[in-house]
């Protein structure tokens, strides 16, 4: 089975960057408990822009992502902070340093 990666960007409402950062840290904590999660990371750019990268062991792990009670609770806090919908894309890794593809 092939690993699956997810990458994306999102912007939060003006002045909500610190709140967004706190919610994203909760989401990373919740993702630690999900089977098949190899990498799950958020990155803060300029202003209120954030980037996301995740690596899952397979498509099943990606499909099951976000189903735990802890993740659902954490994800519930992100919506009210967003300035618009996130831009996400899924892919199959083909070459990498830091993890096996």
N, C-alpha and C. Protein backbone atom coordinates (compact mmCIF):
# COMPACT_ATOMS: atom_id res chain seq x y z
N UNK A 1 0.84 -1.18 0.00
CA UNK A 1 0.00 0.00 0.00
C UNK A 1 0.88 1.24 0.00
N UNK A 2 0.42 2.25 -0.67
CA UNK A 2 1.15 3.50 -0.76
C UNK A 2 0.79 4.44 0.38
N UNK A 3 1.77 5.16 0.83
CA UNK A 3 1.52 6.20 1.83
C UNK A 3 0.76 7.33 1.16
N UNK A 4 0.09 8.12 1.98
CA UNK A 4 -0.70 9.24 1.47
C UNK A 4 -0.29 10.50 2.23
N UNK A 5 -0.06 11.57 1.49
CA UNK A 5 0.26 12.84 2.14
C UNK A 5 -0.87 13.82 1.88
N UNK A 6 -0.99 14.76 2.78
CA UNK A 6 -1.98 15.83 2.66
C UNK A 6 -1.24 17.14 2.95
N UNK A 7 -1.43 18.12 2.07
CA UNK A 7 -0.80 19.42 2.24
C UNK A 7 -1.88 20.48 2.07
N UNK A 8 -1.70 21.58 2.76
CA UNK A 8 -2.69 22.63 2.62
C UNK A 8 -2.28 23.94 3.24
N UNK A 9 -3.10 24.93 2.98
CA UNK A 9 -2.91 26.24 3.56
C UNK A 9 -4.25 26.75 4.05
N UNK A 10 -4.18 27.63 5.04
CA UNK A 10 -5.40 28.26 5.55
C UNK A 10 -5.03 29.61 6.14
N UNK A 11 -6.00 30.46 6.17
CA UNK A 11 -5.82 31.78 6.78
C UNK A 11 -6.90 31.96 7.82
N UNK A 12 -6.50 32.51 8.96
CA UNK A 12 -7.50 32.76 9.99
C UNK A 12 -7.91 34.23 9.95
N UNK A 13 -8.95 34.53 10.67
CA UNK A 13 -9.43 35.91 10.74
C UNK A 13 -8.36 36.80 11.36
N UNK A 14 -8.37 38.06 10.97
CA UNK A 14 -7.39 39.02 11.49
C UNK A 14 -7.39 39.01 13.01
N UNK A 15 -6.20 38.95 13.57
CA UNK A 15 -6.05 39.00 15.01
C UNK A 15 -6.33 37.70 15.73
N UNK A 16 -6.64 36.63 15.00
CA UNK A 16 -6.98 35.34 15.61
C UNK A 16 -5.85 34.33 15.50
N UNK A 17 -4.67 34.78 15.06
CA UNK A 17 -3.56 33.86 14.83
C UNK A 17 -3.13 33.09 16.06
N UNK A 18 -3.06 33.74 17.20
CA UNK A 18 -2.64 33.04 18.41
C UNK A 18 -3.67 32.01 18.85
N UNK A 19 -4.96 32.35 18.69
CA UNK A 19 -6.01 31.38 19.01
C UNK A 19 -5.95 30.19 18.07
N UNK A 20 -5.73 30.47 16.78
CA UNK A 20 -5.62 29.40 15.79
C UNK A 20 -4.44 28.50 16.13
N UNK A 21 -3.34 29.10 16.50
CA UNK A 21 -2.15 28.33 16.85
C UNK A 21 -2.45 27.37 18.00
N UNK A 22 -3.17 27.83 19.00
CA UNK A 22 -3.52 26.98 20.14
C UNK A 22 -4.41 25.82 19.72
N UNK A 23 -5.39 26.07 18.85
CA UNK A 23 -6.28 25.00 18.37
C UNK A 23 -5.49 24.00 17.54
N UNK A 24 -4.60 24.47 16.70
CA UNK A 24 -3.81 23.56 15.86
C UNK A 24 -2.90 22.68 16.71
N UNK A 25 -2.37 23.22 17.78
CA UNK A 25 -1.56 22.40 18.70
C UNK A 25 -2.42 21.31 19.35
N UNK A 26 -3.67 21.62 19.66
CA UNK A 26 -4.60 20.60 20.19
C UNK A 26 -4.84 19.52 19.15
N UNK A 27 -4.98 19.91 17.90
CA UNK A 27 -5.22 18.94 16.84
C UNK A 27 -4.03 18.01 16.68
N UNK A 28 -2.82 18.54 16.77
CA UNK A 28 -1.63 17.69 16.68
C UNK A 28 -1.62 16.70 17.84
N UNK A 29 -1.95 17.16 19.03
CA UNK A 29 -2.02 16.27 20.19
C UNK A 29 -3.03 15.16 19.98
N UNK A 30 -4.19 15.50 19.43
CA UNK A 30 -5.23 14.50 19.18
C UNK A 30 -4.79 13.52 18.09
N UNK A 31 -4.08 14.00 17.09
CA UNK A 31 -3.63 13.14 15.98
C UNK A 31 -2.62 12.09 16.44
N UNK A 32 -1.92 12.38 17.54
CA UNK A 32 -0.94 11.41 18.06
C UNK A 32 -1.60 10.06 18.40
N UNK A 33 -2.88 10.10 18.71
CA UNK A 33 -3.60 8.89 19.10
C UNK A 33 -4.21 8.15 17.92
N UNK A 34 -4.16 8.72 16.74
CA UNK A 34 -4.78 8.09 15.58
C UNK A 34 -3.85 7.08 14.92
N UNK A 35 -4.33 5.87 14.67
CA UNK A 35 -3.49 4.87 14.00
C UNK A 35 -3.17 5.31 12.56
N UNK A 36 -1.96 5.06 12.15
CA UNK A 36 -1.56 5.34 10.77
C UNK A 36 -1.03 6.74 10.53
N UNK A 37 -1.01 7.59 11.55
CA UNK A 37 -0.47 8.94 11.39
C UNK A 37 1.04 8.88 11.61
N UNK A 38 1.80 9.23 10.59
CA UNK A 38 3.26 9.24 10.70
C UNK A 38 3.78 10.65 10.94
N UNK A 39 3.24 11.62 10.21
CA UNK A 39 3.61 13.02 10.38
C UNK A 39 2.32 13.82 10.36
N UNK A 40 2.21 14.77 11.28
CA UNK A 40 1.04 15.64 11.32
C UNK A 40 1.52 16.97 11.84
N UNK A 41 1.62 17.98 10.97
CA UNK A 41 2.27 19.22 11.36
C UNK A 41 1.56 20.45 10.80
N UNK A 42 1.61 21.51 11.59
CA UNK A 42 1.13 22.82 11.17
C UNK A 42 2.30 23.79 11.27
N UNK A 43 2.29 24.79 10.40
CA UNK A 43 3.38 25.75 10.33
C UNK A 43 2.77 27.14 10.17
N UNK A 44 3.27 28.08 10.95
CA UNK A 44 2.75 29.45 10.85
C UNK A 44 3.66 30.27 9.96
N UNK A 45 3.05 30.92 8.98
CA UNK A 45 3.77 31.81 8.08
C UNK A 45 3.58 33.25 8.50
N UNK A 46 3.64 34.13 7.54
CA UNK A 46 3.46 35.55 7.84
C UNK A 46 2.02 35.84 8.22
N UNK A 47 1.87 36.75 9.17
CA UNK A 47 0.54 37.17 9.57
C UNK A 47 -0.28 36.03 10.12
N UNK A 48 -1.43 35.84 9.53
CA UNK A 48 -2.35 34.82 10.00
C UNK A 48 -2.48 33.66 9.02
N UNK A 49 -1.39 33.36 8.29
CA UNK A 49 -1.37 32.26 7.33
C UNK A 49 -0.73 31.02 7.96
N UNK A 50 -1.33 29.88 7.72
CA UNK A 50 -0.84 28.61 8.26
C UNK A 50 -0.75 27.59 7.14
N UNK A 51 0.23 26.69 7.25
CA UNK A 51 0.38 25.58 6.31
C UNK A 51 0.28 24.28 7.09
N UNK A 52 -0.07 23.22 6.38
CA UNK A 52 -0.31 21.93 6.98
C UNK A 52 0.38 20.85 6.16
N UNK A 53 0.95 19.85 6.83
CA UNK A 53 1.49 18.67 6.15
C UNK A 53 1.22 17.45 7.02
N UNK A 54 0.69 16.42 6.40
CA UNK A 54 0.46 15.15 7.09
C UNK A 54 0.91 14.01 6.20
N UNK A 55 1.36 12.95 6.85
CA UNK A 55 1.73 11.73 6.14
C UNK A 55 1.06 10.58 6.86
N UNK A 56 0.31 9.79 6.12
CA UNK A 56 -0.40 8.65 6.67
C UNK A 56 0.14 7.36 6.04
N UNK A 57 0.04 6.27 6.78
CA UNK A 57 0.56 4.99 6.30
C UNK A 57 -0.14 4.51 5.04
N UNK A 58 -1.43 4.84 4.88
CA UNK A 58 -2.18 4.39 3.72
C UNK A 58 -3.49 5.18 3.60
N UNK A 59 -4.24 4.88 2.55
CA UNK A 59 -5.50 5.58 2.29
C UNK A 59 -6.51 5.34 3.41
N UNK A 60 -6.52 4.16 3.99
CA UNK A 60 -7.46 3.87 5.08
C UNK A 60 -7.19 4.78 6.28
N UNK A 61 -5.93 4.98 6.62
CA UNK A 61 -5.58 5.88 7.72
C UNK A 61 -6.05 7.31 7.41
N UNK A 62 -5.89 7.74 6.15
CA UNK A 62 -6.33 9.08 5.77
C UNK A 62 -7.85 9.19 5.89
N UNK A 63 -8.56 8.17 5.45
CA UNK A 63 -10.02 8.19 5.52
C UNK A 63 -10.52 8.19 6.96
N UNK A 64 -9.80 7.52 7.85
CA UNK A 64 -10.22 7.44 9.25
C UNK A 64 -9.78 8.64 10.07
N UNK A 65 -8.91 9.47 9.50
CA UNK A 65 -8.42 10.65 10.21
C UNK A 65 -9.58 11.55 10.64
N UNK A 66 -9.51 12.02 11.86
CA UNK A 66 -10.52 12.95 12.36
C UNK A 66 -11.74 12.31 12.97
N UNK A 67 -11.74 10.99 13.09
CA UNK A 67 -12.92 10.30 13.62
C UNK A 67 -12.91 10.11 15.13
N UNK A 68 -11.76 10.31 15.78
CA UNK A 68 -11.72 10.14 17.23
C UNK A 68 -12.43 11.30 17.92
N UNK A 69 -12.93 11.05 19.11
CA UNK A 69 -13.61 12.11 19.86
C UNK A 69 -12.67 13.29 20.11
N UNK A 70 -11.41 12.98 20.45
CA UNK A 70 -10.44 14.05 20.72
C UNK A 70 -10.22 14.92 19.48
N UNK A 71 -10.11 14.30 18.32
CA UNK A 71 -9.87 15.06 17.10
C UNK A 71 -11.12 15.85 16.71
N UNK A 72 -12.29 15.25 16.86
CA UNK A 72 -13.52 15.98 16.54
C UNK A 72 -13.65 17.21 17.42
N UNK A 73 -13.33 17.09 18.70
CA UNK A 73 -13.41 18.22 19.61
C UNK A 73 -12.43 19.31 19.20
N UNK A 74 -11.20 18.92 18.88
CA UNK A 74 -10.19 19.90 18.49
C UNK A 74 -10.56 20.57 17.17
N UNK A 75 -11.05 19.80 16.22
CA UNK A 75 -11.42 20.35 14.92
C UNK A 75 -12.58 21.33 15.02
N UNK A 76 -13.43 21.14 16.02
CA UNK A 76 -14.56 22.03 16.20
C UNK A 76 -14.15 23.46 16.51
N UNK A 77 -12.95 23.64 17.05
CA UNK A 77 -12.49 24.97 17.39
C UNK A 77 -11.88 25.74 16.24
N UNK A 78 -11.61 25.08 15.13
CA UNK A 78 -10.93 25.75 14.02
C UNK A 78 -11.88 26.56 13.15
N UNK A 79 -13.08 26.07 12.93
CA UNK A 79 -14.03 26.72 12.03
C UNK A 79 -14.30 28.18 12.34
N UNK A 80 -14.62 28.51 13.58
CA UNK A 80 -14.93 29.91 13.90
C UNK A 80 -13.74 30.88 13.74
N UNK A 81 -12.54 30.35 13.62
CA UNK A 81 -11.35 31.20 13.50
C UNK A 81 -10.91 31.43 12.06
N UNK A 82 -11.43 30.64 11.14
CA UNK A 82 -10.97 30.70 9.75
C UNK A 82 -11.58 31.87 8.99
N UNK A 83 -10.76 32.44 8.10
CA UNK A 83 -11.22 33.54 7.25
C UNK A 83 -11.92 33.01 6.00
N UNK A 84 -11.71 31.75 5.69
CA UNK A 84 -12.31 31.13 4.51
C UNK A 84 -11.96 29.65 4.53
N UNK A 85 -12.43 28.91 3.54
CA UNK A 85 -12.15 27.47 3.52
C UNK A 85 -10.66 27.20 3.29
N UNK A 86 -10.14 26.13 3.89
CA UNK A 86 -8.74 25.77 3.66
C UNK A 86 -8.56 25.25 2.24
N UNK A 87 -7.36 25.36 1.74
CA UNK A 87 -6.98 24.81 0.43
C UNK A 87 -6.16 23.57 0.71
N UNK A 88 -6.70 22.39 0.45
CA UNK A 88 -6.03 21.13 0.76
C UNK A 88 -5.88 20.29 -0.50
N UNK A 89 -4.80 19.51 -0.54
CA UNK A 89 -4.58 18.58 -1.63
C UNK A 89 -3.97 17.30 -1.08
N UNK A 90 -4.32 16.20 -1.68
CA UNK A 90 -3.81 14.89 -1.28
C UNK A 90 -2.89 14.38 -2.38
N UNK A 91 -1.85 13.63 -1.98
CA UNK A 91 -0.88 13.13 -2.96
C UNK A 91 -0.25 11.84 -2.46
N UNK A 92 0.49 11.18 -3.33
CA UNK A 92 1.27 10.00 -2.98
C UNK A 92 2.74 10.40 -3.02
N UNK A 93 3.44 10.30 -1.89
CA UNK A 93 4.85 10.65 -1.89
C UNK A 93 5.65 9.72 -2.82
N UNK A 94 6.63 10.31 -3.53
CA UNK A 94 7.46 9.49 -4.43
C UNK A 94 8.93 9.48 -4.03
N UNK A 95 9.39 10.51 -3.31
CA UNK A 95 10.78 10.58 -2.85
C UNK A 95 10.83 11.52 -1.65
N UNK A 96 11.65 11.18 -0.65
CA UNK A 96 11.70 12.02 0.55
C UNK A 96 12.96 11.77 1.35
N UNK A 97 13.33 12.75 2.13
CA UNK A 97 14.33 12.61 3.18
C UNK A 97 13.57 12.72 4.49
N UNK A 98 13.80 11.82 5.40
CA UNK A 98 13.15 11.90 6.70
C UNK A 98 12.08 10.84 6.92
N UNK A 99 11.63 10.21 5.84
CA UNK A 99 10.68 9.11 5.98
C UNK A 99 10.75 8.23 4.73
N UNK A 100 10.39 6.98 4.93
CA UNK A 100 10.37 6.02 3.80
C UNK A 100 9.09 6.20 3.01
N UNK A 101 9.20 6.14 1.70
CA UNK A 101 8.01 6.26 0.83
C UNK A 101 7.56 4.90 0.34
